[in-house]
């Protein structure tokens, strides 16, 4: 039987902790047999989970005999207890599969095992993870990343996506589909976590030389603006404008403009019943096809699927 060890440390997020316990414990093979044995492990006698205190039946030594280790999310400001990182490194060296949910990626990152790999975490913590661990390629737009032995997922419900993916890897789509039905969850969700990111306006560097032109671009984003138009308004050459944008926003003027239009489209898809083609025109895209292509590239799903996830009010 495949042993899944769920590591519970102080500050653990209860939702992330419960997800693998429930999903793997309830999985059944066509024969009716349970393919997984779930063990809750800790670094001490008790674990502070916020609303309750947990007494893990197993300690860190149980990680050595696990086939899969799950690292639920936790408070990223909490220190990792002594012995945890080394136990994870030893398990990885022995071939154990290790998967993190949400901010559990910070524990896995601290081992050094993710260096040089692509990984994800909750979109709100992605910048922090990338800042702490620059050798990791942090992708904030996906629900999970499978590197084979090491896997990471985004936050909250993405932990379900990850667990179902692991079940499908182990036992095929039929068993995973049954587990998904028990969880009242689709086996595969369209898009990535980019569709759940709050569509705040792109950041404007306050006090920078670009602040006036960024504000102007946002106000006029529905117009057919060219690089020459933007440069003329900024009072600089196109080459200088591109260089300033790279330095202060990390992107080009036209890429910044396209992302602004997509964020405005997200708002209209949520707040109105306007047809998708009308929204494409409203936010400044030259054609519905160009809009759909750019929307999928930025958000990770189609405008129609996004609207289905975030229904607009009925007329």
Protein backbone atom coordinates (compact mmCIF):
# COMPACT_ATOMS: atom_id res chain seq x y z
CA UNK A 1 0.00 0.00 0.00
CA UNK A 2 1.21 3.50 -0.90
CA UNK A 3 1.95 5.57 2.20
CA UNK A 4 1.17 9.29 2.08
CA UNK A 5 2.75 11.30 4.88
CA UNK A 6 1.15 14.71 5.46
CA UNK A 7 3.56 16.97 7.36
CA UNK A 8 1.78 19.24 9.85
CA UNK A 9 3.86 22.06 11.34
CA UNK A 10 2.89 25.03 13.53
CA UNK A 11 0.95 27.58 11.54
CA UNK A 12 -0.44 24.97 9.15
CA UNK A 13 -3.44 26.02 7.06
CA UNK A 14 -6.30 23.73 8.07
CA UNK A 15 -7.79 23.57 4.58
CA UNK A 16 -4.47 22.52 3.04
CA UNK A 17 -3.96 19.94 5.78
CA UNK A 18 -7.40 18.40 5.40
CA UNK A 19 -7.39 18.22 1.60
CA UNK A 20 -4.83 15.42 1.10
CA UNK A 21 -6.08 13.57 4.18
CA UNK A 22 -9.63 13.42 2.82
CA UNK A 23 -8.81 12.87 -0.86
CA UNK A 24 -6.29 10.07 -0.41
CA UNK A 25 -8.16 8.40 2.46
CA UNK A 26 -11.37 8.15 0.42
CA UNK A 27 -9.81 6.97 -2.84
CA UNK A 28 -10.83 3.47 -3.88
CA UNK A 29 -9.68 1.09 -6.60
CA UNK A 30 -12.24 -0.71 -8.82
CA UNK A 31 -11.88 -3.69 -6.47
CA UNK A 32 -13.01 -1.51 -3.58
CA UNK A 33 -9.62 -1.61 -1.88
CA UNK A 34 -7.96 1.52 -0.55
CA UNK A 35 -4.67 2.19 -2.40
CA UNK A 36 -3.37 4.78 0.07
CA UNK A 37 -2.43 4.80 3.74
CA UNK A 38 -2.39 8.36 5.15
CA UNK A 39 -0.19 9.36 8.08
CA UNK A 40 -0.14 12.77 9.74
CA UNK A 41 3.39 13.61 10.84
CA UNK A 42 4.74 16.42 12.97
CA UNK A 43 7.98 17.79 14.36
CA UNK A 44 6.73 17.79 17.95
CA UNK A 45 4.00 16.44 20.20
CA UNK A 46 1.48 19.14 19.23
CA UNK A 47 0.84 21.38 16.23
CA UNK A 48 -0.80 24.80 16.46
CA UNK A 49 -3.30 24.93 13.59
CA UNK A 50 -4.91 28.20 14.64
CA UNK A 51 -8.47 27.21 15.42
CA UNK A 52 -7.38 23.91 16.96
CA UNK A 53 -4.36 22.03 18.26
CA UNK A 54 -3.33 18.81 16.58
CA UNK A 55 -1.48 15.83 18.06
CA UNK A 56 0.19 14.08 15.11
CA UNK A 57 0.35 10.30 15.57
CA UNK A 58 3.70 10.12 13.75
CA UNK A 59 6.95 12.07 13.94
CA UNK A 60 9.57 13.06 11.39
CA UNK A 61 10.99 9.54 11.34
CA UNK A 62 7.86 8.40 9.49
CA UNK A 63 8.89 10.49 6.48
CA UNK A 64 11.66 7.97 5.77
CA UNK A 65 9.14 5.20 5.08
CA UNK A 66 6.63 7.28 3.09
CA UNK A 67 6.11 6.90 -0.64
CA UNK A 68 4.72 10.43 -0.96
CA UNK A 69 5.15 13.41 1.38
CA UNK A 70 2.65 16.27 1.25
CA UNK A 71 3.63 19.70 2.60
CA UNK A 72 0.49 21.75 3.34
CA UNK A 73 0.64 25.53 3.38
CA UNK A 74 1.53 27.37 6.56
CA UNK A 75 2.43 30.81 7.87
CA UNK A 76 5.54 31.72 5.84
CA UNK A 77 6.92 33.80 8.73
CA UNK A 78 7.11 30.76 11.02
CA UNK A 79 10.57 29.16 11.20
CA UNK A 80 10.92 25.60 9.98
CA UNK A 81 11.55 23.31 12.99
CA UNK A 82 14.92 21.66 13.38
CA UNK A 83 15.28 18.39 11.54
CA UNK A 84 12.49 18.99 9.01
CA UNK A 85 14.62 20.11 6.07
CA UNK A 86 17.19 17.38 6.55
CA UNK A 87 14.45 14.74 6.82
CA UNK A 88 12.98 15.98 3.54
CA UNK A 89 16.39 15.94 1.83
CA UNK A 90 17.01 12.37 2.97
CA UNK A 91 13.57 11.31 1.75
CA UNK A 92 14.17 12.92 -1.63
CA UNK A 93 17.56 11.23 -1.93
CA UNK A 94 15.81 7.91 -1.32
CA UNK A 95 13.39 8.61 -4.18
CA UNK A 96 10.34 9.70 -2.17
CA UNK A 97 7.87 11.88 -4.04
CA UNK A 98 7.33 15.27 -2.36
CA UNK A 99 4.47 17.64 -3.14
CA UNK A 100 3.60 21.00 -1.64
CA UNK A 101 0.27 22.79 -1.43
CA UNK A 102 0.06 26.59 -1.38
CA UNK A 103 2.78 28.12 0.83
CA UNK A 104 4.08 24.64 1.61
CA UNK A 105 6.33 25.44 -1.35
CA UNK A 106 8.38 27.64 1.00
CA UNK A 107 9.32 24.56 3.06
CA UNK A 108 10.27 22.61 -0.05
CA UNK A 109 12.20 25.60 -1.40
CA UNK A 110 14.17 25.89 1.85
CA UNK A 111 15.58 22.39 1.29
CA UNK A 112 17.23 23.56 -1.94
CA UNK A 113 15.52 20.74 -3.83
CA UNK A 114 13.56 23.15 -6.03
CA UNK A 115 16.61 25.11 -7.18
CA UNK A 116 16.73 25.15 -10.96
CA UNK A 117 13.15 23.90 -11.23
CA UNK A 118 9.84 25.48 -12.12
CA UNK A 119 7.41 25.76 -9.20
CA UNK A 120 4.26 27.54 -8.09
CA UNK A 121 2.48 28.63 -4.94
CA UNK A 122 -0.54 30.77 -4.08
CA UNK A 123 -0.53 33.74 -6.45
CA UNK A 124 -0.44 36.17 -3.51
CA UNK A 125 2.81 34.60 -2.24
CA UNK A 126 4.52 34.05 -5.60
CA UNK A 127 6.57 37.25 -5.53
CA UNK A 128 7.75 36.48 -1.99
CA UNK A 129 8.80 32.96 -2.98
CA UNK A 130 10.67 34.26 -6.02
CA UNK A 131 12.37 36.94 -3.92
CA UNK A 132 13.53 34.51 -1.24
CA UNK A 133 14.61 31.83 -3.70
CA UNK A 134 15.82 33.42 -6.96
CA UNK A 135 17.13 30.09 -8.28
CA UNK A 136 13.55 28.79 -8.55
CA UNK A 137 11.49 29.59 -11.67
CA UNK A 138 8.25 30.66 -9.96
CA UNK A 139 5.18 30.48 -12.21
CA UNK A 140 2.22 32.27 -10.54
CA UNK A 141 -0.26 31.47 -13.33
CA UNK A 142 -0.72 27.68 -13.01
CA UNK A 143 -2.67 25.42 -10.67
CA UNK A 144 0.22 23.00 -10.18
CA UNK A 145 3.65 22.08 -11.53
CA UNK A 146 4.78 18.46 -11.92
CA UNK A 147 8.55 17.99 -12.04
CA UNK A 148 8.31 14.25 -11.60
CA UNK A 149 9.56 13.63 -8.07
CA UNK A 150 8.81 17.19 -6.91
CA UNK A 151 5.42 18.83 -7.33
CA UNK A 152 4.01 22.18 -6.20
CA UNK A 153 0.51 23.60 -6.32
CA UNK A 154 -1.23 26.92 -5.95
CA UNK A 155 -3.39 27.66 -2.92
CA UNK A 156 -6.69 26.44 -1.52
CA UNK A 157 -8.71 24.42 -4.09
CA UNK A 158 -5.60 23.90 -6.24
CA UNK A 159 -4.53 21.39 -3.58
CA UNK A 160 -7.43 19.25 -4.81
CA UNK A 161 -6.18 19.54 -8.38
CA UNK A 162 -2.75 18.39 -7.25
CA UNK A 163 -4.03 15.41 -5.25
CA UNK A 164 -6.26 14.26 -8.11
CA UNK A 165 -3.31 14.58 -10.49
CA UNK A 166 -1.21 12.36 -8.21
CA UNK A 167 -3.98 9.76 -8.06
CA UNK A 168 -4.24 9.79 -11.85
CA UNK A 169 -0.47 9.32 -12.11
CA UNK A 170 -0.62 6.37 -9.72
CA UNK A 171 -3.80 4.59 -10.77
CA UNK A 172 -5.15 6.10 -13.99
CA UNK A 173 -8.00 8.38 -14.96
CA UNK A 174 -10.87 6.11 -13.90
CA UNK A 175 -9.75 5.95 -10.26
CA UNK A 176 -8.96 9.67 -10.27
CA UNK A 177 -12.34 10.49 -11.79
CA UNK A 178 -14.08 8.57 -9.01
CA UNK A 179 -12.04 10.46 -6.42
CA UNK A 180 -12.98 13.72 -8.16
CA UNK A 181 -16.68 12.86 -8.00
CA UNK A 182 -16.39 12.17 -4.27
CA UNK A 183 -14.79 15.61 -3.90
CA UNK A 184 -17.50 17.19 -6.10
CA UNK A 185 -14.64 18.45 -8.24
CA UNK A 186 -13.87 18.24 -11.98
CA UNK A 187 -10.91 16.00 -12.71
CA UNK A 188 -9.37 18.80 -14.76
CA UNK A 189 -10.14 22.51 -14.48
CA UNK A 190 -9.65 24.76 -17.47
CA UNK A 191 -7.11 27.53 -17.10
CA UNK A 192 -4.77 28.34 -14.26
CA UNK A 193 -4.74 30.42 -11.13
CA UNK A 194 -4.23 33.58 -13.20
CA UNK A 195 -7.99 33.65 -13.66
CA UNK A 196 -8.46 34.02 -9.90
CA UNK A 197 -6.00 36.89 -9.42
CA UNK A 198 -7.68 40.13 -8.42
CA UNK A 199 -7.52 42.42 -11.44
CA UNK A 200 -5.89 45.42 -9.82
CA UNK A 201 -4.47 47.97 -12.26
CA UNK A 202 -0.85 47.37 -13.24
CA UNK A 203 1.42 48.97 -10.66
CA UNK A 204 2.43 52.53 -11.35
CA UNK A 205 5.87 53.39 -9.98
CA UNK A 206 5.04 56.41 -7.81
CA UNK A 207 7.33 59.35 -8.28
CA UNK A 208 8.95 57.81 -11.35
CA UNK A 209 9.36 59.59 -14.66
CA UNK A 210 6.84 57.15 -16.16
CA UNK A 211 3.99 57.87 -13.74
CA UNK A 212 2.26 60.50 -15.95
CA UNK A 213 2.47 58.41 -19.13
CA UNK A 214 1.29 55.24 -17.34
CA UNK A 215 -1.77 57.07 -16.02
CA UNK A 216 -2.45 58.47 -19.48
CA UNK A 217 -2.12 55.05 -21.08
CA UNK A 218 -4.58 53.53 -18.62
CA UNK A 219 -7.10 56.30 -19.24
CA UNK A 220 -6.74 55.95 -23.02
CA UNK A 221 -6.20 52.20 -23.28
CA UNK A 222 -9.29 51.70 -25.46
CA UNK A 223 -7.78 53.89 -28.16
CA UNK A 224 -5.71 52.47 -31.01
CA UNK A 225 -2.42 53.57 -29.45
CA UNK A 226 0.89 52.93 -31.16
CA UNK A 227 4.37 53.05 -29.71
CA UNK A 228 4.87 56.34 -31.56
CA UNK A 229 1.72 57.80 -29.93
CA UNK A 230 2.90 56.82 -26.46
CA UNK A 231 6.42 58.12 -27.03
CA UNK A 232 5.08 61.42 -28.36
CA UNK A 233 2.90 61.89 -25.30
CA UNK A 234 5.85 61.03 -23.04
CA UNK A 235 8.04 63.49 -24.89
CA UNK A 236 10.81 61.01 -25.63
CA UNK A 237 11.98 58.76 -28.44
CA UNK A 238 10.51 55.28 -28.83
CA UNK A 239 13.89 53.77 -28.02
CA UNK A 240 14.22 55.77 -24.79
CA UNK A 241 10.63 54.96 -23.84
CA UNK A 242 11.25 51.24 -24.27
CA UNK A 243 14.38 51.43 -22.17
CA UNK A 244 12.62 53.34 -19.38
CA UNK A 245 9.74 50.86 -19.38
CA UNK A 246 12.12 47.92 -19.10
CA UNK A 247 13.90 49.57 -16.20
CA UNK A 248 10.81 50.64 -14.26
CA UNK A 249 8.07 48.13 -15.12
CA UNK A 250 9.98 45.10 -16.41
CA UNK A 251 8.05 45.05 -19.68
CA UNK A 252 7.46 47.05 -22.88
CA UNK A 253 4.89 49.84 -23.36
CA UNK A 254 2.74 47.76 -25.67
CA UNK A 255 2.83 44.68 -23.41
CA UNK A 256 1.85 46.89 -20.48
CA UNK A 257 -1.03 48.29 -22.54
CA UNK A 258 -2.27 44.82 -23.53
CA UNK A 259 -2.28 43.64 -19.92
CA UNK A 260 -4.22 46.76 -18.92
CA UNK A 261 -6.85 45.95 -21.56
CA UNK A 262 -7.12 42.35 -20.37
CA UNK A 263 -7.65 43.43 -16.76
CA UNK A 264 -10.37 45.84 -17.88
CA UNK A 265 -11.96 43.00 -19.84
CA UNK A 266 -11.93 40.80 -16.72
CA UNK A 267 -13.89 43.48 -14.89
CA UNK A 268 -16.45 43.79 -17.71
CA UNK A 269 -16.86 40.00 -17.96
CA UNK A 270 -17.66 39.90 -14.24
CA UNK A 271 -19.75 43.06 -13.94
CA UNK A 272 -21.76 43.14 -17.19
CA UNK A 273 -23.68 40.90 -19.56
CA UNK A 274 -22.06 42.44 -22.62
CA UNK A 275 -21.18 39.97 -25.40
CA UNK A 276 -17.52 39.00 -25.56
CA UNK A 277 -17.09 40.66 -28.98
CA UNK A 278 -18.44 43.94 -27.60
CA UNK A 279 -16.07 43.78 -24.63
CA UNK A 280 -13.15 43.18 -27.00
CA UNK A 281 -14.03 46.43 -28.80
CA UNK A 282 -14.69 48.34 -25.57
CA UNK A 283 -11.24 47.66 -24.12
CA UNK A 284 -9.39 48.43 -27.34
CA UNK A 285 -8.69 45.17 -29.15
CA UNK A 286 -8.82 45.38 -32.93
CA UNK A 287 -10.62 42.05 -33.34
CA UNK A 288 -12.39 39.47 -31.17
CA UNK A 289 -9.82 36.87 -32.25
CA UNK A 290 -6.91 39.03 -31.07
CA UNK A 291 -8.75 39.60 -27.80
CA UNK A 292 -9.38 35.90 -27.18
CA UNK A 293 -5.77 34.99 -27.97
CA UNK A 294 -4.35 37.66 -25.65
CA UNK A 295 -6.86 36.90 -22.89
CA UNK A 296 -5.93 33.21 -22.88
CA UNK A 297 -2.23 34.08 -22.87
CA UNK A 298 -2.56 36.39 -19.85
CA UNK A 299 -5.33 34.73 -17.84
CA UNK A 300 -4.84 31.10 -18.83
CA UNK A 301 -8.40 30.48 -19.98
CA UNK A 302 -10.95 31.80 -22.49
CA UNK A 303 -13.19 34.82 -21.88
CA UNK A 304 -16.24 32.51 -21.97
CA UNK A 305 -14.74 30.14 -19.37
CA UNK A 306 -13.70 33.09 -17.20
CA UNK A 307 -17.25 34.47 -17.28
CA UNK A 308 -18.61 31.05 -16.34
CA UNK A 309 -16.33 31.04 -13.28
CA UNK A 310 -17.28 34.60 -12.32
CA UNK A 311 -20.89 35.05 -13.51
CA UNK A 312 -22.09 38.55 -14.30
CA UNK A 313 -25.35 39.81 -12.75
CA UNK A 314 -28.60 38.78 -14.42
CA UNK A 315 -30.43 41.55 -16.30
